[in-house]
């Protein structure tokens, strides 16, 4: 299972709430959640950036 599928599955099962904005640790990953507003980004939703908790490497970005 790739990282994007893992994030989407966690949102479906309510293990990850994208409405909680900011930075936090989640299952061994460091995630940053920001709200996307149509006036600035031409879409509504949330952007979730995933980083390696230990080294801080950017692993991916998921837009929901």
Protein backbone atom coordinates (compact mmCIF):
# COMPACT_ATOMS: atom_id res chain seq x y z
CA UNK A 1 0.00 0.00 0.00
CA UNK A 2 1.51 3.31 -1.01
CA UNK A 3 1.50 6.39 1.18
CA UNK A 4 -1.35 8.19 -0.63
CA UNK A 5 -3.64 5.17 -0.27
CA UNK A 6 -2.70 4.90 3.40
CA UNK A 7 -3.67 8.54 4.04
CA UNK A 8 -6.95 8.25 2.12
CA UNK A 9 -7.86 5.03 3.96
CA UNK A 10 -7.08 6.68 7.32
CA UNK A 11 -9.40 9.59 6.45
CA UNK A 12 -12.19 7.17 5.48
CA UNK A 13 -11.87 5.25 8.76
CA UNK A 14 -11.60 8.44 10.86
CA UNK A 15 -8.05 7.72 12.03
CA UNK A 16 -6.87 10.98 10.47
CA UNK A 17 -8.95 14.14 10.57
CA UNK A 18 -7.82 16.64 7.91
CA UNK A 19 -9.84 19.40 9.59
CA UNK A 20 -7.20 19.57 12.34
CA UNK A 21 -4.79 22.03 10.77
CA UNK A 22 -1.10 22.40 11.51
CA UNK A 23 1.82 20.09 12.11
CA UNK A 24 1.77 16.87 14.10
CA UNK A 25 3.12 13.34 14.34
CA UNK A 26 1.00 10.54 12.90
CA UNK A 27 2.03 6.84 12.97
CA UNK A 28 5.75 7.47 12.57
CA UNK A 29 5.30 10.30 10.06
CA UNK A 30 5.40 14.05 10.54
CA UNK A 31 2.45 15.60 8.69
CA UNK A 32 1.49 19.17 7.90
CA UNK A 33 -2.15 19.88 7.06
CA UNK A 34 -3.21 23.12 5.37
CA UNK A 35 -6.62 24.19 4.16
CA UNK A 36 -7.03 24.97 0.47
CA UNK A 37 -9.38 27.84 -0.35
CA UNK A 38 -10.87 28.18 -3.82
CA UNK A 39 -10.07 31.90 -4.08
CA UNK A 40 -6.33 31.16 -3.80
CA UNK A 41 -5.94 27.57 -5.00
CA UNK A 42 -8.90 27.14 -7.42
CA UNK A 43 -10.14 24.24 -5.27
CA UNK A 44 -11.50 23.63 -1.80
CA UNK A 45 -10.08 20.90 0.41
CA UNK A 46 -6.96 20.07 2.35
CA UNK A 47 -3.32 19.54 1.48
CA UNK A 48 -1.48 16.98 3.58
CA UNK A 49 2.31 16.95 3.32
CA UNK A 50 4.07 13.87 4.68
CA UNK A 51 7.62 13.90 6.03
CA UNK A 52 9.88 11.26 7.53
CA UNK A 53 9.74 11.82 11.28
CA UNK A 54 13.35 10.93 11.93
CA UNK A 55 15.14 12.80 9.13
CA UNK A 56 12.54 15.27 7.86
CA UNK A 57 12.63 14.11 4.24
CA UNK A 58 9.55 15.02 2.20
CA UNK A 59 7.81 11.77 1.25
CA UNK A 60 4.74 13.06 -0.53
CA UNK A 61 1.78 15.39 -0.76
CA UNK A 62 -1.88 14.38 -0.79
CA UNK A 63 -4.67 16.77 -1.76
CA UNK A 64 -8.11 15.82 -0.48
